[in-house]
Amino acid sequence: MTMDTVIRQSGVVTVVDIRGNIVQGKEIDRLRDVLKAVLNEGHKQILFNLGNVNYIDTSGVGCLMSECLYNRT
């Protein structure tokens, strides 16, 4: 299953809705691009809605953690 993302605002929080599988390969590359874009726009309070994620491998967890932790200003 491919991964889809939707970015929306809920008050001051930026919500990234993720659906599908977060696995090594094209999905991780796309997720990394989405996260970099959100961070580059200056959003600081980000919530990842993983309610519709079917599967996430260790690369997916690493991507979520590294992009958010190492790109903070």
PDB file of N, CA and C in Angstrom:
ATOM      1  N   MET A   1       0.854  -1.178   0.000  1.00  0.00           N
ATOM      2  CA  MET A   1       0.000   0.000   0.000  1.00  0.00           C
ATOM      3  C   MET A   1       0.896   1.236   0.000  1.00  0.00           C
ATOM      4  N   THR A   2       0.580   2.194  -0.840  1.00  0.00           N
ATOM      5  CA  THR A   2       1.364   3.422  -0.896  1.00  0.00           C
ATOM      6  C   THR A   2       1.027   4.323   0.277  1.00  0.00           C
ATOM      7  N   MET A   3       1.870   5.310   0.478  1.00  0.00           N
ATOM      8  CA  MET A   3       1.674   6.248   1.572  1.00  0.00           C
ATOM      9  C   MET A   3       1.136   7.563   1.026  1.00  0.00           C
ATOM     10  N   ASP A   4       0.137   8.114   1.708  1.00  0.00           N
ATOM     11  CA  ASP A   4      -0.426   9.421   1.369  1.00  0.00           C
ATOM     12  C   ASP A   4      -0.337  10.304   2.600  1.00  0.00           C
ATOM     13  N   THR A   5      -0.156  11.600   2.377  1.00  0.00           N
ATOM     14  CA  THR A   5      -0.136  12.547   3.490  1.00  0.00           C
ATOM     15  C   THR A   5      -1.048  13.724   3.188  1.00  0.00           C
ATOM     16  N   VAL A   6      -1.629  14.265   4.230  1.00  0.00           N
ATOM     17  CA  VAL A   6      -2.422  15.488   4.157  1.00  0.00           C
ATOM     18  C   VAL A   6      -1.946  16.367   5.305  1.00  0.00           C
ATOM     19  N   ILE A   7      -1.652  17.626   4.982  1.00  0.00           N
ATOM     20  CA  ILE A   7      -1.211  18.575   6.001  1.00  0.00           C
ATOM     21  C   ILE A   7      -2.350  19.550   6.252  1.00  0.00           C
ATOM     22  N   ARG A   8      -2.664  19.753   7.532  1.00  0.00           N
ATOM     23  CA  ARG A   8      -3.750  20.669   7.866  1.00  0.00           C
ATOM     24  C   ARG A   8      -3.412  21.380   9.169  1.00  0.00           C
ATOM     25  N   GLN A   9      -4.090  22.464   9.427  1.00  0.00           N
ATOM     26  CA  GLN A   9      -3.912  23.222  10.666  1.00  0.00           C
ATOM     27  C   GLN A   9      -5.090  22.957  11.593  1.00  0.00           C
ATOM     28  N   SER A  10      -4.783  22.819  12.864  1.00  0.00           N
ATOM     29  CA  SER A  10      -5.795  22.735  13.905  1.00  0.00           C
ATOM     30  C   SER A  10      -5.355  23.708  14.988  1.00  0.00           C
ATOM     31  N   GLY A  11      -5.840  24.928  14.886  1.00  0.00           N
ATOM     32  CA  GLY A  11      -5.355  25.981  15.773  1.00  0.00           C
ATOM     33  C   GLY A  11      -3.912  26.285  15.433  1.00  0.00           C
ATOM     34  N   VAL A  12      -3.040  26.252  16.434  1.00  0.00           N
ATOM     35  CA  VAL A  12      -1.619  26.516  16.203  1.00  0.00           C
ATOM     36  C   VAL A  12      -0.834  25.255  15.860  1.00  0.00           C
ATOM     37  N   VAL A  13      -1.489  24.114  15.871  1.00  0.00           N
ATOM     38  CA  VAL A  13      -0.830  22.831  15.619  1.00  0.00           C
ATOM     39  C   VAL A  13      -0.969  22.453  14.145  1.00  0.00           C
ATOM     40  N   THR A  14       0.149  22.046  13.562  1.00  0.00           N
ATOM     41  CA  THR A  14       0.158  21.515  12.201  1.00  0.00           C
ATOM     42  C   THR A  14      -0.002  20.012  12.297  1.00  0.00           C
ATOM     43  N   VAL A  15      -1.044  19.493  11.682  1.00  0.00           N
ATOM     44  CA  VAL A  15      -1.328  18.059  11.726  1.00  0.00           C
ATOM     45  C   VAL A  15      -0.916  17.443  10.391  1.00  0.00           C
ATOM     46  N   VAL A  16      -0.102  16.397  10.465  1.00  0.00           N
ATOM     47  CA  VAL A  16       0.280  15.642   9.276  1.00  0.00           C
ATOM     48  C   VAL A  16      -0.437  14.301   9.360  1.00  0.00           C
ATOM     49  N   ASP A  17      -1.500  14.159   8.571  1.00  0.00           N
ATOM     50  CA  ASP A  17      -2.233  12.893   8.506  1.00  0.00           C
ATOM     51  C   ASP A  17      -1.483  11.969   7.549  1.00  0.00           C
ATOM     52  N   ILE A  18      -1.158  10.780   8.016  1.00  0.00           N
ATOM     53  CA  ILE A  18      -0.417   9.819   7.198  1.00  0.00           C
ATOM     54  C   ILE A  18      -1.266   8.563   7.064  1.00  0.00           C
ATOM     55  N   ARG A  19      -1.348   8.061   5.828  1.00  0.00           N
ATOM     56  CA  ARG A  19      -2.140   6.853   5.551  1.00  0.00           C
ATOM     57  C   ARG A  19      -1.293   5.877   4.736  1.00  0.00           C
ATOM     58  N   GLY A  20      -1.400   4.612   5.049  1.00  0.00           N
ATOM     59  CA  GLY A  20      -0.687   3.588   4.284  1.00  0.00           C
ATOM     60  C   GLY A  20       0.477   3.011   5.057  1.00  0.00           C
ATOM     61  N   ASN A  21       1.547   2.685   4.340  1.00  0.00           N
ATOM     62  CA  ASN A  21       2.734   2.081   4.940  1.00  0.00           C
ATOM     63  C   ASN A  21       3.876   3.083   4.930  1.00  0.00           C
ATOM     64  N   ILE A  22       4.609   3.144   6.026  1.00  0.00           N
ATOM     65  CA  ILE A  22       5.812   3.975   6.100  1.00  0.00           C
ATOM     66  C   ILE A  22       6.986   3.004   6.137  1.00  0.00           C
ATOM     67  N   VAL A  23       7.556   2.767   4.957  1.00  0.00           N
ATOM     68  CA  VAL A  23       8.632   1.779   4.826  1.00  0.00           C
ATOM     69  C   VAL A  23       9.764   2.368   4.001  1.00  0.00           C
ATOM     70  N   GLN A  24      10.920   1.732   4.127  1.00  0.00           N
ATOM     71  CA  GLN A  24      12.107   2.182   3.407  1.00  0.00           C
ATOM     72  C   GLN A  24      11.846   2.190   1.907  1.00  0.00           C
ATOM     73  N   GLY A  25      12.315   3.241   1.248  1.00  0.00           N
ATOM     74  CA  GLY A  25      12.137   3.370  -0.191  1.00  0.00           C
ATOM     75  C   GLY A  25      11.447   4.677  -0.535  1.00  0.00           C
ATOM     76  N   LYS A  26      10.571   4.626  -1.543  1.00  0.00           N
ATOM     77  CA  LYS A  26       9.887   5.836  -2.000  1.00  0.00           C
ATOM     78  C   LYS A  26       9.048   6.491  -0.912  1.00  0.00           C
ATOM     79  N   GLU A  27       8.445   5.686  -0.050  1.00  0.00           N
ATOM     80  CA  GLU A  27       7.602   6.239   1.006  1.00  0.00           C
ATOM     81  C   GLU A  27       8.415   7.103   1.967  1.00  0.00           C
ATOM     82  N   ILE A  28       9.593   6.609   2.362  1.00  0.00           N
ATOM     83  CA  ILE A  28      10.443   7.376   3.277  1.00  0.00           C
ATOM     84  C   ILE A  28      10.908   8.664   2.602  1.00  0.00           C
ATOM     85  N   ASP A  29      11.277   8.582   1.339  1.00  0.00           N
ATOM     86  CA  ASP A  29      11.707   9.782   0.613  1.00  0.00           C
ATOM     87  C   ASP A  29      10.593  10.820   0.559  1.00  0.00           C
ATOM     88  N   ARG A  30       9.381  10.382   0.279  1.00  0.00           N
ATOM     89  CA  ARG A  30       8.244  11.305   0.230  1.00  0.00           C
ATOM     90  C   ARG A  30       7.953  11.891   1.602  1.00  0.00           C
ATOM     91  N   LEU A  31       7.988  11.057   2.633  1.00  0.00           N
ATOM     92  CA  LEU A  31       7.725  11.540   3.986  1.00  0.00           C
ATOM     93  C   LEU A  31       8.791  12.546   4.415  1.00  0.00           C
ATOM     94  N   ARG A  32      10.037  12.275   4.099  1.00  0.00           N
ATOM     95  CA  ARG A  32      11.125  13.197   4.431  1.00  0.00           C
ATOM     96  C   ARG A  32      10.905  14.550   3.756  1.00  0.00           C
ATOM     97  N   ASP A  33      10.482  14.538   2.492  1.00  0.00           N
ATOM     98  CA  ASP A  33      10.198  15.785   1.773  1.00  0.00           C
ATOM     99  C   ASP A  33       9.057  16.560   2.429  1.00  0.00           C
ATOM    100  N   VAL A  34       8.014  15.858   2.836  1.00  0.00           N
ATOM    101  CA  VAL A  34       6.868  16.504   3.500  1.00  0.00           C
ATOM    102  C   VAL A  34       7.317  17.121   4.822  1.00  0.00           C
ATOM    103  N   LEU A  35       8.071  16.379   5.606  1.00  0.00           N
ATOM    104  CA  LEU A  35       8.508  16.879   6.908  1.00  0.00           C
ATOM    105  C   LEU A  35       9.438  18.077   6.763  1.00  0.00           C
ATOM    106  N   LYS A  36      10.354  18.026   5.809  1.00  0.00           N
ATOM    107  CA  LYS A  36      11.245  19.160   5.579  1.00  0.00           C
ATOM    108  C   LYS A  36      10.461  20.393   5.168  1.00  0.00           C
ATOM    109  N   ALA A  37       9.456  20.211   4.320  1.00  0.00           N
ATOM    110  CA  ALA A  37       8.641  21.349   3.884  1.00  0.00           C
ATOM    111  C   ALA A  37       7.903  21.979   5.064  1.00  0.00           C
ATOM    112  N   VAL A  38       7.319  21.151   5.916  1.00  0.00           N
ATOM    113  CA  VAL A  38       6.592  21.663   7.092  1.00  0.00           C
ATOM    114  C   VAL A  38       7.548  22.425   8.009  1.00  0.00           C
ATOM    115  N   LEU A  39       8.725  21.858   8.261  1.00  0.00           N
ATOM    116  CA  LEU A  39       9.694  22.506   9.128  1.00  0.00           C
ATOM    117  C   LEU A  39      10.244  23.786   8.502  1.00  0.00           C
ATOM    118  N   ASN A  40      10.495  23.770   7.195  1.00  0.00           N
ATOM    119  CA  ASN A  40      11.007  24.956   6.510  1.00  0.00           C
ATOM    120  C   ASN A  40      10.002  26.098   6.479  1.00  0.00           C
ATOM    121  N   GLU A  41       8.727  25.777   6.585  1.00  0.00           N
ATOM    122  CA  GLU A  41       7.688  26.807   6.638  1.00  0.00           C
ATOM    123  C   GLU A  41       7.599  27.422   8.033  1.00  0.00           C
ATOM    124  N   GLY A  42       8.375  26.909   8.971  1.00  0.00           N
ATOM    125  CA  GLY A  42       8.432  27.490  10.300  1.00  0.00           C
ATOM    126  C   GLY A  42       7.475  26.892  11.314  1.00  0.00           C
ATOM    127  N   HIS A  43       6.811  25.804  10.959  1.00  0.00           N
ATOM    128  CA  HIS A  43       5.896  25.165  11.901  1.00  0.00           C
ATOM    129  C   HIS A  43       6.697  24.504  13.012  1.00  0.00           C
ATOM    130  N   LYS A  44       6.318  24.768  14.254  1.00  0.00           N
ATOM    131  CA  LYS A  44       7.035  24.233  15.415  1.00  0.00           C
ATOM    132  C   LYS A  44       6.238  23.163  16.161  1.00  0.00           C
ATOM    133  N   GLN A  45       4.913  23.293  16.165  1.00  0.00           N
ATOM    134  CA  GLN A  45       4.061  22.327  16.863  1.00  0.00           C
ATOM    135  C   GLN A  45       3.435  21.417  15.814  1.00  0.00           C
ATOM    136  N   ILE A  46       3.986  20.203  15.727  1.00  0.00           N
ATOM    137  CA  ILE A  46       3.587  19.269  14.679  1.00  0.00           C
ATOM    138  C   ILE A  46       3.061  17.995  15.325  1.00  0.00           C
ATOM    139  N   LEU A  47       1.904  17.558  14.863  1.00  0.00           N
ATOM    140  CA  LEU A  47       1.308  16.316  15.341  1.00  0.00           C
ATOM    141  C   LEU A  47       1.233  15.350  14.162  1.00  0.00           C
ATOM    142  N   PHE A  48       1.755  14.151  14.344  1.00  0.00           N
ATOM    143  CA  PHE A  48       1.669  13.119  13.320  1.00  0.00           C
ATOM    144  C   PHE A  48       0.490  12.217  13.643  1.00  0.00           C
ATOM    145  N   ASN A  49      -0.518  12.237  12.792  1.00  0.00           N
ATOM    146  CA  ASN A  49      -1.679  11.369  12.962  1.00  0.00           C
ATOM    147  C   ASN A  49      -1.374  10.058  12.240  1.00  0.00           C
ATOM    148  N   LEU A  50      -1.045   9.030  13.013  1.00  0.00           N
ATOM    149  CA  LEU A  50      -0.694   7.723  12.458  1.00  0.00           C
ATOM    150  C   LEU A  50      -1.854   6.737  12.534  1.00  0.00           C
ATOM    151  N   GLY A  51      -3.048   7.241  12.758  1.00  0.00           N
ATOM    152  CA  GLY A  51      -4.217   6.378  12.924  1.00  0.00           C
ATOM    153  C   GLY A  51      -4.537   5.512  11.727  1.00  0.00           C
ATOM    154  N   ASN A  52      -4.139   5.944  10.533  1.00  0.00           N
ATOM    155  CA  ASN A  52      -4.419   5.172   9.319  1.00  0.00           C
ATOM    156  C   ASN A  52      -3.164   4.556   8.722  1.00  0.00           C
ATOM    157  N   VAL A  53      -2.111   4.440   9.533  1.00  0.00           N
ATOM    158  CA  VAL A  53      -0.888   3.782   9.082  1.00  0.00           C
ATOM    159  C   VAL A  53      -1.048   2.288   9.324  1.00  0.00           C
ATOM    160  N   ASN A  54      -0.850   1.509   8.275  1.00  0.00           N
ATOM    161  CA  ASN A  54      -0.990   0.056   8.389  1.00  0.00           C
ATOM    162  C   ASN A  54       0.269  -0.600   8.905  1.00  0.00           C
ATOM    163  N   TYR A  55       1.422  -0.053   8.517  1.00  0.00           N
ATOM    164  CA  TYR A  55       2.699  -0.659   8.895  1.00  0.00           C
ATOM    165  C   TYR A  55       3.775   0.410   8.859  1.00  0.00           C
ATOM    166  N   ILE A  56       4.670   0.381   9.834  1.00  0.00           N
ATOM    167  CA  ILE A  56       5.818   1.270   9.858  1.00  0.00           C
ATOM    168  C   ILE A  56       7.039   0.446  10.244  1.00  0.00           C
ATOM    169  N   ASP A  57       8.099   0.545   9.428  1.00  0.00           N
ATOM    170  CA  ASP A  57       9.313  -0.188   9.768  1.00  0.00           C
ATOM    171  C   ASP A  57      10.278   0.740  10.506  1.00  0.00           C
ATOM    172  N   THR A  58      11.434   0.217  10.872  1.00  0.00           N
ATOM    173  CA  THR A  58      12.374   1.015  11.652  1.00  0.00           C
ATOM    174  C   THR A  58      12.876   2.223  10.870  1.00  0.00           C
ATOM    175  N   SER A  59      12.936   2.122   9.559  1.00  0.00           N
ATOM    176  CA  SER A  59      13.332   3.277   8.746  1.00  0.00           C
ATOM    177  C   SER A  59      12.300   4.388   8.856  1.00  0.00           C
ATOM    178  N   GLY A  60      11.047   4.022   8.925  1.00  0.00           N
ATOM    179  CA  GLY A  60       9.982   5.011   9.076  1.00  0.00           C
ATOM    180  C   GLY A  60      10.044   5.721  10.403  1.00  0.00           C
ATOM    181  N   VAL A  61      10.273   4.968  11.466  1.00  0.00           N
ATOM    182  CA  VAL A  61      10.412   5.567  12.801  1.00  0.00           C
ATOM    183  C   VAL A  61      11.623   6.491  12.815  1.00  0.00           C
ATOM    184  N   GLY A  62      12.720   6.034  12.242  1.00  0.00           N
ATOM    185  CA  GLY A  62      13.925   6.840  12.181  1.00  0.00           C
ATOM    186  C   GLY A  62      13.722   8.127  11.417  1.00  0.00           C
ATOM    187  N   CYS A  63      12.985   8.082  10.333  1.00  0.00           N
ATOM    188  CA  CYS A  63      12.701   9.272   9.543  1.00  0.00           C
ATOM    189  C   CYS A  63      11.912  10.276  10.355  1.00  0.00           C
ATOM    190  N   LEU A  64      10.866   9.832  11.010  1.00  0.00           N
ATOM    191  CA  LEU A  64      10.056  10.738  11.827  1.00  0.00           C
ATOM    192  C   LEU A  64      10.902  11.383  12.916  1.00  0.00           C
ATOM    193  N   MET A  65      11.719  10.597  13.581  1.00  0.00           N
ATOM    194  CA  MET A  65      12.523  11.116  14.679  1.00  0.00           C
ATOM    195  C   MET A  65      13.633  12.039  14.186  1.00  0.00           C
ATOM    196  N   SER A  66      14.358  11.632  13.178  1.00  0.00           N
ATOM    197  CA  SER A  66      15.520  12.411  12.753  1.00  0.00           C
ATOM    198  C   SER A  66      15.119  13.747  12.157  1.00  0.00           C
ATOM    199  N   GLU A  67      14.104  13.782  11.335  1.00  0.00           N
ATOM    200  CA  GLU A  67      13.704  15.037  10.709  1.00  0.00           C
ATOM    201  C   GLU A  67      13.219  16.041  11.745  1.00  0.00           C
ATOM    202  N   CYS A  68      12.522  15.577  12.744  1.00  0.00           N
ATOM    203  CA  CYS A  68      11.984  16.497  13.752  1.00  0.00           C
ATOM    204  C   CYS A  68      13.030  16.886  14.784  1.00  0.00           C
ATOM    205  N   LEU A  69      13.868  15.959  15.172  1.00  0.00           N
ATOM    206  CA  LEU A  69      14.843  16.273  16.214  1.00  0.00           C
ATOM    207  C   LEU A  69      16.038  17.045  15.690  1.00  0.00           C
ATOM    208  N   TYR A  70      16.488  16.731  14.495  1.00  0.00           N
ATOM    209  CA  TYR A  70      17.725  17.331  14.010  1.00  0.00           C
ATOM    210  C   TYR A  70      17.497  18.573  13.155  1.00  0.00           C
ATOM    211  N   ASN A  71      16.281  18.932  12.879  1.00  0.00           N
ATOM    212  CA  ASN A  71      16.010  20.139  12.101  1.00  0.00           C
ATOM    213  C   ASN A  71      15.365  21.224  12.929  1.00  0.00           C
ATOM    214  N   ARG A  72      15.465  21.131  14.230  1.00  0.00           N
ATOM    215  CA  ARG A  72      14.902  22.163  15.104  1.00  0.00           C
ATOM    216  C   ARG A  72      15.826  23.363  15.129  1.00  0.00           C
ATOM    217  N   THR A  73      15.215  24.535  15.247  1.00  0.00           N
ATOM    218  CA  THR A  73      16.033  25.757  15.351  1.00  0.00           C
ATOM    219  C   THR A  73      15.791  26.399  16.682  1.00  0.00           C
TER     220      THR A  73
END
